């Protein structure tokens, strides 16, 4: 259920990972951003955003079993 998503993010992801996943998928009510938009906003490279996103999604997948 989506109602457990905020708790799942809080329990399994670090702050930067939560921020990137929230921005990427519009979880906090905003629009979904591209990796480039996130990179520009956080002053990091797009490839670094990609690596963090991939790692975070893996953590969430493992958490869900």
Protein backbone atom coordinates (compact mmCIF):
# COMPACT_ATOMS: atom_id res chain seq x y z
CA UNK A 1 0.00 0.00 0.00
CA UNK A 2 1.13 3.54 -0.68
CA UNK A 3 0.33 4.56 2.89
CA UNK A 4 3.41 2.65 4.08
CA UNK A 5 5.72 4.27 1.54
CA UNK A 6 6.85 7.26 3.66
CA UNK A 7 7.72 4.93 6.54
CA UNK A 8 9.48 2.51 4.19
CA UNK A 9 11.60 5.34 2.79
CA UNK A 10 12.40 6.64 6.27
CA UNK A 11 13.37 3.23 7.64
CA UNK A 12 15.46 1.96 4.75
CA UNK A 13 17.01 4.92 2.95
CA UNK A 14 19.50 7.58 3.94
CA UNK A 15 18.46 11.23 3.71
CA UNK A 16 20.06 11.88 0.29
CA UNK A 17 18.54 8.64 -1.09
CA UNK A 18 15.07 9.62 0.19
CA UNK A 19 15.40 13.06 -1.35
CA UNK A 20 16.37 11.69 -4.76
CA UNK A 21 13.66 9.02 -4.81
CA UNK A 22 11.03 11.54 -3.68
CA UNK A 23 12.01 14.04 -6.36
CA UNK A 24 12.38 11.40 -9.09
CA UNK A 25 8.94 9.88 -8.54
CA UNK A 26 7.01 12.89 -7.25
CA UNK A 27 6.39 11.24 -3.89
CA UNK A 28 6.20 14.49 -1.91
CA UNK A 29 3.39 15.82 -4.05
CA UNK A 30 5.51 17.59 -6.64
CA UNK A 31 6.01 16.60 -10.25
CA UNK A 32 8.40 13.85 -11.21
CA UNK A 33 11.83 15.25 -12.06
CA UNK A 34 14.37 13.90 -14.51
CA UNK A 35 17.77 12.77 -13.30
CA UNK A 36 19.25 15.87 -14.95
CA UNK A 37 16.84 18.18 -13.10
CA UNK A 38 17.68 16.51 -9.80
CA UNK A 39 21.41 16.72 -10.54
CA UNK A 40 21.13 20.43 -11.28
CA UNK A 41 19.07 21.06 -8.15
CA UNK A 42 21.50 19.16 -5.88
CA UNK A 43 24.67 20.30 -7.68
CA UNK A 44 25.81 16.74 -8.38
CA UNK A 45 26.30 14.80 -11.62
CA UNK A 46 23.48 13.05 -13.43
CA UNK A 47 25.42 9.79 -13.27
CA UNK A 48 25.68 10.11 -9.49
CA UNK A 49 21.90 10.63 -9.28
CA UNK A 50 21.49 7.49 -11.40
CA UNK A 51 23.74 5.44 -9.11
CA UNK A 52 21.94 6.64 -5.97
CA UNK A 53 18.54 5.96 -7.55
CA UNK A 54 19.53 2.43 -8.56
CA UNK A 55 21.00 1.65 -5.13
CA UNK A 56 17.91 3.07 -3.38
CA UNK A 57 15.49 1.08 -5.50
CA UNK A 58 17.47 -2.05 -4.70
CA UNK A 59 17.20 -1.32 -0.97
CA UNK A 60 13.45 -0.79 -1.26
CA UNK A 61 13.04 -4.00 -3.26
CA UNK A 62 14.92 -5.94 -0.59
CA UNK A 63 12.85 -4.33 2.16
CA UNK A 64 9.65 -5.43 0.46
CA UNK A 65 10.93 -8.99 0.18
